[in-house]
Amino acid sequence: MSGSDASAPHLQPPEFEPLPTLAPAHREISLHCARKDGREVVTMRCVEEGIEYVIECEVYPVSGLRVEPLRPGPYRFATEIEAKGFVDEAVRVLTYLGCDIS
């Protein structure tokens, strides 16, 4: 008998479709806007992204006529408590500088 039998059925492994890539869950934790003299100067958003908390900021400098905001960060934290502490401190500073917070 030879090593290869032409009459034996050729078996192929089953075809599998790749699993879809799931985007991490994004949940907004908080949103704060700071205004100075009626003009928006800072927007801070805290977002839960999977296993971390991200602070996204938009800053409109008061000394310029800039239309597009500056976007420092993002600032990433391992826990919600750390992220909220960062936001609370930033809100305190903005309030001290005379901003109205909403």
PDB file of N, CA and C in Angstrom:
ATOM      1  N   MET A   1       0.839  -1.156   0.000  1.00  0.00           N
ATOM      2  CA  MET A   1       0.000   0.000   0.000  1.00  0.00           C
ATOM      3  C   MET A   1       0.894   1.231   0.000  1.00  0.00           C
ATOM      4  N   SER A   2       0.534   2.231  -0.775  1.00  0.00           N
ATOM      5  CA  SER A   2       1.349   3.435  -0.885  1.00  0.00           C
ATOM      6  C   SER A   2       1.028   4.393   0.256  1.00  0.00           C
ATOM      7  N   GLY A   3       1.907   5.390   0.473  1.00  0.00           N
ATOM      8  CA  GLY A   3       1.744   6.341   1.564  1.00  0.00           C
ATOM      9  C   GLY A   3       0.595   7.302   1.351  1.00  0.00           C
ATOM     10  N   SER A   4       0.086   7.465   0.132  1.00  0.00           N
ATOM     11  CA  SER A   4      -0.985   8.416  -0.130  1.00  0.00           C
ATOM     12  C   SER A   4      -2.116   7.701  -0.826  1.00  0.00           C
ATOM     13  N   ASP A   5      -3.311   7.784  -0.286  1.00  0.00           N
ATOM     14  CA  ASP A   5      -4.470   7.123  -0.869  1.00  0.00           C
ATOM     15  C   ASP A   5      -5.338   8.175  -1.545  1.00  0.00           C
ATOM     16  N   ALA A   6      -5.449   8.130  -2.873  1.00  0.00           N
ATOM     17  CA  ALA A   6      -6.187   9.128  -3.636  1.00  0.00           C
ATOM     18  C   ALA A   6      -7.683   9.047  -3.388  1.00  0.00           C
ATOM     19  N   SER A   7      -8.187   7.887  -2.932  1.00  0.00           N
ATOM     20  CA  SER A   7      -9.624   7.754  -2.728  1.00  0.00           C
ATOM     21  C   SER A   7     -10.087   8.267  -1.366  1.00  0.00           C
ATOM     22  N   ALA A   8      -9.168   8.575  -0.438  1.00  0.00           N
ATOM     23  CA  ALA A   8      -9.551   9.075   0.886  1.00  0.00           C
ATOM     24  C   ALA A   8     -10.022  10.521   0.765  1.00  0.00           C
ATOM     25  N   PRO A   9     -11.097  10.857   1.455  1.00  0.00           N
ATOM     26  CA  PRO A   9     -11.580  12.247   1.375  1.00  0.00           C
ATOM     27  C   PRO A   9     -10.561  13.201   2.002  1.00  0.00           C
ATOM     28  N   HIS A  10     -10.446  14.374   1.402  1.00  0.00           N
ATOM     29  CA  HIS A  10      -9.519  15.390   1.894  1.00  0.00           C
ATOM     30  C   HIS A  10     -10.255  16.225   2.941  1.00  0.00           C
ATOM     31  N   LEU A  11      -9.800  16.177   4.166  1.00  0.00           N
ATOM     32  CA  LEU A  11     -10.451  16.905   5.255  1.00  0.00           C
ATOM     33  C   LEU A  11      -9.825  18.283   5.407  1.00  0.00           C
ATOM     34  N   GLN A  12     -10.678  19.286   5.528  1.00  0.00           N
ATOM     35  CA  GLN A  12     -10.216  20.651   5.752  1.00  0.00           C
ATOM     36  C   GLN A  12     -10.770  21.128   7.083  1.00  0.00           C
ATOM     37  N   PRO A  13      -9.995  21.913   7.786  1.00  0.00           N
ATOM     38  CA  PRO A  13     -10.516  22.440   9.052  1.00  0.00           C
ATOM     39  C   PRO A  13     -11.689  23.379   8.772  1.00  0.00           C
ATOM     40  N   PRO A  14     -12.631  23.458   9.696  1.00  0.00           N
ATOM     41  CA  PRO A  14     -13.764  24.359   9.483  1.00  0.00           C
ATOM     42  C   PRO A  14     -13.289  25.807   9.430  1.00  0.00           C
ATOM     43  N   GLU A  15     -14.009  26.621   8.680  1.00  0.00           N
ATOM     44  CA  GLU A  15     -13.659  28.037   8.576  1.00  0.00           C
ATOM     45  C   GLU A  15     -14.369  28.805   9.684  1.00  0.00           C
ATOM     46  N   PHE A  16     -13.626  29.670  10.337  1.00  0.00           N
ATOM     47  CA  PHE A  16     -14.179  30.493  11.402  1.00  0.00           C
ATOM     48  C   PHE A  16     -14.062  31.947  10.999  1.00  0.00           C
ATOM     49  N   GLU A  17     -15.109  32.699  11.272  1.00  0.00           N
ATOM     50  CA  GLU A  17     -15.045  34.135  11.040  1.00  0.00           C
ATOM     51  C   GLU A  17     -14.439  34.777  12.281  1.00  0.00           C
ATOM     52  N   PRO A  18     -13.599  35.784  12.089  1.00  0.00           N
ATOM     53  CA  PRO A  18     -13.017  36.441  13.268  1.00  0.00           C
ATOM     54  C   PRO A  18     -14.105  37.136  14.082  1.00  0.00           C
ATOM     55  N   LEU A  19     -13.895  37.173  15.391  1.00  0.00           N
ATOM     56  CA  LEU A  19     -14.833  37.865  16.265  1.00  0.00           C
ATOM     57  C   LEU A  19     -14.731  39.366  16.032  1.00  0.00           C
ATOM     58  N   PRO A  20     -15.840  40.076  16.110  1.00  0.00           N
ATOM     59  CA  PRO A  20     -15.761  41.528  15.935  1.00  0.00           C
ATOM     60  C   PRO A  20     -14.996  42.157  17.088  1.00  0.00           C
ATOM     61  N   THR A  21     -14.271  43.211  16.777  1.00  0.00           N
ATOM     62  CA  THR A  21     -13.545  43.944  17.801  1.00  0.00           C
ATOM     63  C   THR A  21     -14.527  44.850  18.519  1.00  0.00           C
ATOM     64  N   LEU A  22     -14.576  44.728  19.825  1.00  0.00           N
ATOM     65  CA  LEU A  22     -15.500  45.534  20.604  1.00  0.00           C
ATOM     66  C   LEU A  22     -14.788  46.773  21.120  1.00  0.00           C
ATOM     67  N   ALA A  23     -15.406  47.912  20.929  1.00  0.00           N
ATOM     68  CA  ALA A  23     -14.853  49.153  21.460  1.00  0.00           C
ATOM     69  C   ALA A  23     -15.090  49.173  22.965  1.00  0.00           C
ATOM     70  N   PRO A  24     -14.145  49.721  23.723  1.00  0.00           N
ATOM     71  CA  PRO A  24     -14.363  49.789  25.162  1.00  0.00           C
ATOM     72  C   PRO A  24     -15.560  50.670  25.479  1.00  0.00           C
ATOM     73  N   ALA A  25     -16.198  50.378  26.589  1.00  0.00           N
ATOM     74  CA  ALA A  25     -17.360  51.160  26.997  1.00  0.00           C
ATOM     75  C   ALA A  25     -16.925  52.586  27.338  1.00  0.00           C
ATOM     76  N   HIS A  26     -17.686  53.555  26.867  1.00  0.00           N
ATOM     77  CA  HIS A  26     -17.424  54.960  27.165  1.00  0.00           C
ATOM     78  C   HIS A  26     -18.641  55.493  27.906  1.00  0.00           C
ATOM     79  N   ARG A  27     -18.417  55.928  29.136  1.00  0.00           N
ATOM     80  CA  ARG A  27     -19.518  56.459  29.940  1.00  0.00           C
ATOM     81  C   ARG A  27     -19.067  57.782  30.527  1.00  0.00           C
ATOM     82  N   GLU A  28     -19.838  58.836  30.239  1.00  0.00           N
ATOM     83  CA  GLU A  28     -19.489  60.149  30.770  1.00  0.00           C
ATOM     84  C   GLU A  28     -19.814  60.195  32.256  1.00  0.00           C
ATOM     85  N   ILE A  29     -18.814  60.540  33.056  1.00  0.00           N
ATOM     86  CA  ILE A  29     -18.965  60.627  34.505  1.00  0.00           C
ATOM     87  C   ILE A  29     -19.377  62.040  34.906  1.00  0.00           C
ATOM     88  N   SER A  30     -18.710  63.041  34.325  1.00  0.00           N
ATOM     89  CA  SER A  30     -19.039  64.426  34.672  1.00  0.00           C
ATOM     90  C   SER A  30     -18.643  65.355  33.532  1.00  0.00           C
ATOM     91  N   LEU A  31     -19.263  66.530  33.539  1.00  0.00           N
ATOM     92  CA  LEU A  31     -18.962  67.575  32.563  1.00  0.00           C
ATOM     93  C   LEU A  31     -19.032  68.906  33.294  1.00  0.00           C
ATOM     94  N   HIS A  32     -17.954  69.684  33.205  1.00  0.00           N
ATOM     95  CA  HIS A  32     -17.898  70.997  33.851  1.00  0.00           C
ATOM     96  C   HIS A  32     -17.478  72.035  32.820  1.00  0.00           C
ATOM     97  N   CYS A  33     -18.179  73.163  32.829  1.00  0.00           N
ATOM     98  CA  CYS A  33     -17.826  74.290  31.965  1.00  0.00           C
ATOM     99  C   CYS A  33     -17.490  75.478  32.852  1.00  0.00           C
ATOM    100  N   ALA A  34     -16.391  76.146  32.539  1.00  0.00           N
ATOM    101  CA  ALA A  34     -15.983  77.339  33.280  1.00  0.00           C
ATOM    102  C   ALA A  34     -16.118  78.546  32.363  1.00  0.00           C
ATOM    103  N   ARG A  35     -16.753  79.601  32.897  1.00  0.00           N
ATOM    104  CA  ARG A  35     -16.930  80.847  32.150  1.00  0.00           C
ATOM    105  C   ARG A  35     -16.304  81.995  32.932  1.00  0.00           C
ATOM    106  N   LYS A  36     -15.681  82.877  32.183  1.00  0.00           N
ATOM    107  CA  LYS A  36     -15.090  84.082  32.767  1.00  0.00           C
ATOM    108  C   LYS A  36     -15.656  85.267  32.002  1.00  0.00           C
ATOM    109  N   ASP A  37     -16.311  86.172  32.714  1.00  0.00           N
ATOM    110  CA  ASP A  37     -16.949  87.342  32.096  1.00  0.00           C
ATOM    111  C   ASP A  37     -17.921  86.922  30.990  1.00  0.00           C
ATOM    112  N   GLY A  38     -18.654  85.831  31.227  1.00  0.00           N
ATOM    113  CA  GLY A  38     -19.649  85.353  30.277  1.00  0.00           C
ATOM    114  C   GLY A  38     -19.104  84.554  29.108  1.00  0.00           C
ATOM    115  N   ARG A  39     -17.806  84.405  29.044  1.00  0.00           N
ATOM    116  CA  ARG A  39     -17.169  83.696  27.929  1.00  0.00           C
ATOM    117  C   ARG A  39     -16.653  82.340  28.404  1.00  0.00           C
ATOM    118  N   GLU A  40     -16.946  81.281  27.650  1.00  0.00           N
ATOM    119  CA  GLU A  40     -16.462  79.950  28.024  1.00  0.00           C
ATOM    120  C   GLU A  40     -14.947  79.892  27.877  1.00  0.00           C
ATOM    121  N   VAL A  41     -14.275  79.437  28.951  1.00  0.00           N
ATOM    122  CA  VAL A  41     -12.814  79.345  28.904  1.00  0.00           C
ATOM    123  C   VAL A  41     -12.312  77.911  29.044  1.00  0.00           C
ATOM    124  N   VAL A  42     -13.070  77.040  29.737  1.00  0.00           N
ATOM    125  CA  VAL A  42     -12.636  75.648  29.924  1.00  0.00           C
ATOM    126  C   VAL A  42     -13.853  74.730  29.930  1.00  0.00           C
ATOM    127  N   THR A  43     -13.710  73.593  29.260  1.00  0.00           N
ATOM    128  CA  THR A  43     -14.664  72.496  29.377  1.00  0.00           C
ATOM    129  C   THR A  43     -13.862  71.266  29.779  1.00  0.00           C
ATOM    130  N   MET A  44     -14.293  70.609  30.857  1.00  0.00           N
ATOM    131  CA  MET A  44     -13.644  69.378  31.322  1.00  0.00           C
ATOM    132  C   MET A  44     -14.677  68.265  31.354  1.00  0.00           C
ATOM    133  N   ARG A  45     -14.316  67.161  30.748  1.00  0.00           N
ATOM    134  CA  ARG A  45     -15.211  66.004  30.698  1.00  0.00           C
ATOM    135  C   ARG A  45     -14.461  64.807  31.265  1.00  0.00           C
ATOM    136  N   CYS A  46     -15.100  64.103  32.192  1.00  0.00           N
ATOM    137  CA  CYS A  46     -14.531  62.872  32.736  1.00  0.00           C
ATOM    138  C   CYS A  46     -15.294  61.708  32.118  1.00  0.00           C
ATOM    139  N   VAL A  47     -14.562  60.792  31.482  1.00  0.00           N
ATOM    140  CA  VAL A  47     -15.161  59.671  30.773  1.00  0.00           C
ATOM    141  C   VAL A  47     -14.540  58.373  31.266  1.00  0.00           C
ATOM    142  N   GLU A  48     -15.388  57.387  31.525  1.00  0.00           N
ATOM    143  CA  GLU A  48     -14.898  56.047  31.846  1.00  0.00           C
ATOM    144  C   GLU A  48     -14.652  55.329  30.528  1.00  0.00           C
ATOM    145  N   GLU A  49     -13.424  54.882  30.320  1.00  0.00           N
ATOM    146  CA  GLU A  49     -13.061  54.160  29.097  1.00  0.00           C
ATOM    147  C   GLU A  49     -12.493  52.805  29.495  1.00  0.00           C
ATOM    148  N   GLY A  50     -13.356  51.814  29.509  1.00  0.00           N
ATOM    149  CA  GLY A  50     -12.897  50.480  29.888  1.00  0.00           C
ATOM    150  C   GLY A  50     -12.481  50.450  31.342  1.00  0.00           C
ATOM    151  N   ILE A  51     -11.186  50.247  31.586  1.00  0.00           N
ATOM    152  CA  ILE A  51     -10.705  50.123  32.966  1.00  0.00           C
ATOM    153  C   ILE A  51     -10.025  51.383  33.479  1.00  0.00           C
ATOM    154  N   GLU A  52     -10.107  52.482  32.735  1.00  0.00           N
ATOM    155  CA  GLU A  52      -9.491  53.720  33.202  1.00  0.00           C
ATOM    156  C   GLU A  52     -10.456  54.889  33.056  1.00  0.00           C
ATOM    157  N   TYR A  53     -10.097  55.993  33.692  1.00  0.00           N
ATOM    158  CA  TYR A  53     -10.899  57.209  33.668  1.00  0.00           C
ATOM    159  C   TYR A  53     -10.069  58.294  33.004  1.00  0.00           C
ATOM    160  N   VAL A  54     -10.674  58.971  32.036  1.00  0.00           N
ATOM    161  CA  VAL A  54      -9.949  59.937  31.217  1.00  0.00           C
ATOM    162  C   VAL A  54     -10.599  61.309  31.363  1.00  0.00           C
ATOM    163  N   ILE A  55      -9.759  62.321  31.605  1.00  0.00           N
ATOM    164  CA  ILE A  55     -10.219  63.703  31.641  1.00  0.00           C
ATOM    165  C   ILE A  55      -9.828  64.343  30.313  1.00  0.00           C
ATOM    166  N   GLU A  56     -10.831  64.817  29.589  1.00  0.00           N
ATOM    167  CA  GLU A  56     -10.611  65.526  28.329  1.00  0.00           C
ATOM    168  C   GLU A  56     -10.898  66.999  28.579  1.00  0.00           C
ATOM    169  N   CYS A  57     -10.038  67.868  28.077  1.00  0.00           N
ATOM    170  CA  CYS A  57     -10.196  69.306  28.315  1.00  0.00           C
ATOM    171  C   CYS A  57     -10.175  70.074  26.999  1.00  0.00           C
ATOM    172  N   GLU A  58     -10.945  71.147  26.989  1.00  0.00           N
ATOM    173  CA  GLU A  58     -10.869  72.141  25.922  1.00  0.00           C
ATOM    174  C   GLU A  58     -10.661  73.478  26.610  1.00  0.00           C
ATOM    175  N   VAL A  59      -9.627  74.193  26.190  1.00  0.00           N
ATOM    176  CA  VAL A  59      -9.271  75.457  26.829  1.00  0.00           C
ATOM    177  C   VAL A  59      -9.273  76.560  25.777  1.00  0.00           C
ATOM    178  N   TYR A  60     -10.031  77.615  26.067  1.00  0.00           N
ATOM    179  CA  TYR A  60     -10.075  78.793  25.205  1.00  0.00           C
ATOM    180  C   TYR A  60      -9.331  79.915  25.929  1.00  0.00           C
ATOM    181  N   PRO A  61      -8.104  80.226  25.507  1.00  0.00           N
ATOM    182  CA  PRO A  61      -7.343  81.273  26.197  1.00  0.00           C
ATOM    183  C   PRO A  61      -8.085  82.608  26.170  1.00  0.00           C
ATOM    184  N   VAL A  62      -8.135  83.290  27.325  1.00  0.00           N
ATOM    185  CA  VAL A  62      -8.855  84.564  27.410  1.00  0.00           C
ATOM    186  C   VAL A  62      -8.080  85.697  26.752  1.00  0.00           C
ATOM    187  N   SER A  63      -6.789  85.507  26.532  1.00  0.00           N
ATOM    188  CA  SER A  63      -5.973  86.592  25.985  1.00  0.00           C
ATOM    189  C   SER A  63      -5.917  86.591  24.461  1.00  0.00           C
ATOM    190  N   GLY A  64      -6.651  85.707  23.808  1.00  0.00           N
ATOM    191  CA  GLY A  64      -6.559  85.657  22.354  1.00  0.00           C
ATOM    192  C   GLY A  64      -7.914  85.544  21.696  1.00  0.00           C
ATOM    193  N   LEU A  65      -7.890  85.589  20.392  1.00  0.00           N
ATOM    194  CA  LEU A  65      -9.109  85.460  19.609  1.00  0.00           C
ATOM    195  C   LEU A  65      -9.172  84.088  18.954  1.00  0.00           C
ATOM    196  N   ARG A  66      -8.609  83.132  19.604  1.00  0.00           N
ATOM    197  CA  ARG A  66      -8.522  81.774  19.075  1.00  0.00           C
ATOM    198  C   ARG A  66      -9.916  81.163  18.958  1.00  0.00           C
ATOM    199  N   VAL A  67     -10.225  80.600  17.792  1.00  0.00           N
ATOM    200  CA  VAL A  67     -11.525  79.976  17.568  1.00  0.00           C
ATOM    201  C   VAL A  67     -11.497  78.518  18.015  1.00  0.00           C
ATOM    202  N   GLU A  68     -10.443  77.803  17.641  1.00  0.00           N
ATOM    203  CA  GLU A  68     -10.303  76.398  18.025  1.00  0.00           C
ATOM    204  C   GLU A  68      -9.679  76.314  19.417  1.00  0.00           C
ATOM    205  N   PRO A  69     -10.216  75.458  20.275  1.00  0.00           N
ATOM    206  CA  PRO A  69      -9.658  75.355  21.627  1.00  0.00           C
ATOM    207  C   PRO A  69      -8.339  74.593  21.645  1.00  0.00           C
ATOM    208  N   LEU A  70      -7.552  74.863  22.680  1.00  0.00           N
ATOM    209  CA  LEU A  70      -6.394  74.026  22.977  1.00  0.00           C
ATOM    210  C   LEU A  70      -6.935  72.765  23.635  1.00  0.00           C
ATOM    211  N   ARG A  71      -6.284  71.645  23.439  1.00  0.00           N
ATOM    212  CA  ARG A  71      -6.742  70.384  24.034  1.00  0.00           C
ATOM    213  C   ARG A  71      -5.591  69.714  24.786  1.00  0.00           C
ATOM    214  N   PRO A  72      -5.288  70.227  25.981  1.00  0.00           N
ATOM    215  CA  PRO A  72      -4.232  69.578  26.763  1.00  0.00           C
ATOM    216  C   PRO A  72      -4.697  68.203  27.235  1.00  0.00           C
ATOM    217  N   GLY A  73      -3.747  67.337  27.509  1.00  0.00           N
ATOM    218  CA  GLY A  73      -4.112  65.990  27.965  1.00  0.00           C
ATOM    219  C   GLY A  73      -4.229  65.047  26.793  1.00  0.00           C
ATOM    220  N   PRO A  74      -4.973  64.002  26.893  1.00  0.00           N
ATOM    221  CA  PRO A  74      -5.891  63.657  27.976  1.00  0.00           C
ATOM    222  C   PRO A  74      -5.142  63.199  29.222  1.00  0.00           C
ATOM    223  N   TYR A  75      -5.814  63.337  30.354  1.00  0.00           N
ATOM    224  CA  TYR A  75      -5.263  62.934  31.639  1.00  0.00           C
ATOM    225  C   TYR A  75      -5.928  61.623  32.037  1.00  0.00           C
ATOM    226  N   ARG A  76      -5.135  60.593  32.288  1.00  0.00           N
ATOM    227  CA  ARG A  76      -5.657  59.248  32.548  1.00  0.00           C
ATOM    228  C   ARG A  76      -5.428  58.843  34.000  1.00  0.00           C
ATOM    229  N   PHE A  77      -6.452  58.207  34.579  1.00  0.00           N
ATOM    230  CA  PHE A  77      -6.398  57.783  35.974  1.00  0.00           C
ATOM    231  C   PHE A  77      -6.904  56.353  36.094  1.00  0.00           C
ATOM    232  N   ALA A  78      -6.375  55.637  37.069  1.00  0.00           N
ATOM    233  CA  ALA A  78      -6.756  54.237  37.270  1.00  0.00           C
ATOM    234  C   ALA A  78      -8.100  54.103  37.977  1.00  0.00           C
ATOM    235  N   THR A  79      -8.461  55.106  38.796  1.00  0.00           N
ATOM    236  CA  THR A  79      -9.713  55.005  39.544  1.00  0.00           C
ATOM    237  C   THR A  79     -10.563  56.256  39.346  1.00  0.00           C
ATOM    238  N   GLU A  80     -11.852  56.088  39.574  1.00  0.00           N
ATOM    239  CA  GLU A  80     -12.780  57.215  39.473  1.00  0.00           C
ATOM    240  C   GLU A  80     -12.486  58.249  40.558  1.00  0.00           C
ATOM    241  N   ILE A  81     -12.076  57.798  41.728  1.00  0.00           N
ATOM    242  CA  ILE A  81     -11.764  58.714  42.838  1.00  0.00           C
ATOM    243  C   ILE A  81     -10.603  59.632  42.460  1.00  0.00           C
ATOM    244  N   GLU A  82      -9.558  59.077  41.832  1.00  0.00           N
ATOM    245  CA  GLU A  82      -8.421  59.897  41.400  1.00  0.00           C
ATOM    246  C   GLU A  82      -8.849  60.914  40.347  1.00  0.00           C
ATOM    247  N   ALA A  83      -9.660  60.477  39.390  1.00  0.00           N
ATOM    248  CA  ALA A  83     -10.121  61.374  38.329  1.00  0.00           C
ATOM    249  C   ALA A  83     -10.979  62.497  38.903  1.00  0.00           C
ATOM    250  N   LYS A  84     -11.889  62.156  39.817  1.00  0.00           N
ATOM    251  CA  LYS A  84     -12.741  63.179  40.434  1.00  0.00           C
ATOM    252  C   LYS A  84     -11.907  64.147  41.268  1.00  0.00           C
ATOM    253  N   GLY A  85     -10.861  63.653  41.922  1.00  0.00           N
ATOM    254  CA  GLY A  85      -9.971  64.529  42.682  1.00  0.00           C
ATOM    255  C   GLY A  85      -9.298  65.551  41.786  1.00  0.00           C
ATOM    256  N   PHE A  86      -8.854  65.124  40.610  1.00  0.00           N
ATOM    257  CA  PHE A  86      -8.235  66.023  39.635  1.00  0.00           C
ATOM    258  C   PHE A  86      -9.233  67.097  39.204  1.00  0.00           C
ATOM    259  N   VAL A  87     -10.456  66.670  38.867  1.00  0.00           N
ATOM    260  CA  VAL A  87     -11.493  67.612  38.422  1.00  0.00           C
ATOM    261  C   VAL A  87     -11.848  68.578  39.545  1.00  0.00           C
ATOM    262  N   ASP A  88     -12.026  68.065  40.760  1.00  0.00           N
ATOM    263  CA  ASP A  88     -12.372  68.933  41.894  1.00  0.00           C
ATOM    264  C   ASP A  88     -11.311  70.000  42.121  1.00  0.00           C
ATOM    265  N   GLU A  89     -10.042  69.618  42.029  1.00  0.00           N
ATOM    266  CA  GLU A  89      -8.952  70.582  42.223  1.00  0.00           C
ATOM    267  C   GLU A  89      -8.956  71.633  41.109  1.00  0.00           C
ATOM    268  N   ALA A  90      -9.165  71.203  39.870  1.00  0.00           N
ATOM    269  CA  ALA A  90      -9.213  72.146  38.746  1.00  0.00           C
ATOM    270  C   ALA A  90     -10.388  73.112  38.903  1.00  0.00           C
ATOM    271  N   VAL A  91     -11.540  72.609  39.342  1.00  0.00           N
ATOM    272  CA  VAL A  91     -12.711  73.466  39.560  1.00  0.00           C
ATOM    273  C   VAL A  91     -12.420  74.486  40.661  1.00  0.00           C
ATOM    274  N   ARG A  92     -11.745  74.061  41.735  1.00  0.00           N
ATOM    275  CA  ARG A  92     -11.374  74.988  42.819  1.00  0.00           C
ATOM    276  C   ARG A  92     -10.483  76.114  42.295  1.00  0.00           C
ATOM    277  N   VAL A  93      -9.501  75.753  41.481  1.00  0.00           N
ATOM    278  CA  VAL A  93      -8.576  76.754  40.931  1.00  0.00           C
ATOM    279  C   VAL A  93      -9.324  77.719  40.012  1.00  0.00           C
ATOM    280  N   LEU A  94     -10.168  77.183  39.138  1.00  0.00           N
ATOM    281  CA  LEU A  94     -10.920  78.046  38.220  1.00  0.00           C
ATOM    282  C   LEU A  94     -11.864  78.978  38.982  1.00  0.00           C
ATOM    283  N   THR A  95     -12.469  78.484  40.052  1.00  0.00           N
ATOM    284  CA  THR A  95     -13.334  79.324  40.891  1.00  0.00           C
ATOM    285  C   THR A  95     -12.514  80.430  41.549  1.00  0.00           C
ATOM    286  N   TYR A  96     -11.346  80.079  42.066  1.00  0.00           N
ATOM    287  CA  TYR A  96     -10.457  81.062  42.683  1.00  0.00           C
ATOM    288  C   TYR A  96     -10.070  82.153  41.681  1.00  0.00           C
ATOM    289  N   LEU A  97      -9.925  81.765  40.410  1.00  0.00           N
ATOM    290  CA  LEU A  97      -9.551  82.724  39.362  1.00  0.00           C
ATOM    291  C   LEU A  97     -10.746  83.527  38.847  1.00  0.00           C
ATOM    292  N   GLY A  98     -11.911  83.338  39.465  1.00  0.00           N
ATOM    293  CA  GLY A  98     -13.070  84.158  39.124  1.00  0.00           C
ATOM    294  C   GLY A  98     -13.986  83.579  38.065  1.00  0.00           C
ATOM    295  N   CYS A  99     -13.867  82.290  37.792  1.00  0.00           N
ATOM    296  CA  CYS A  99     -14.733  81.661  36.790  1.00  0.00           C
ATOM    297  C   CYS A  99     -16.024  81.172  37.436  1.00  0.00           C
ATOM    298  N   ASP A 100     -17.087  81.201  36.665  1.00  0.00           N
ATOM    299  CA  ASP A 100     -18.351  80.583  37.061  1.00  0.00           C
ATOM    300  C   ASP A 100     -18.351  79.171  36.504  1.00  0.00           C
ATOM    301  N   ILE A 101     -18.700  78.199  37.340  1.00  0.00           N
ATOM    302  CA  ILE A 101     -18.662  76.788  36.947  1.00  0.00           C
ATOM    303  C   ILE A 101     -20.084  76.259  36.808  1.00  0.00           C
ATOM    304  N   SER A 102     -20.319  75.559  35.719  1.00  0.00           N
ATOM    305  CA  SER A 102     -21.622  74.892  35.551  1.00  0.00           C
ATOM    306  C   SER A 102     -21.403  73.440  35.218  1.00  0.00           C
TER     307      SER A 102
END
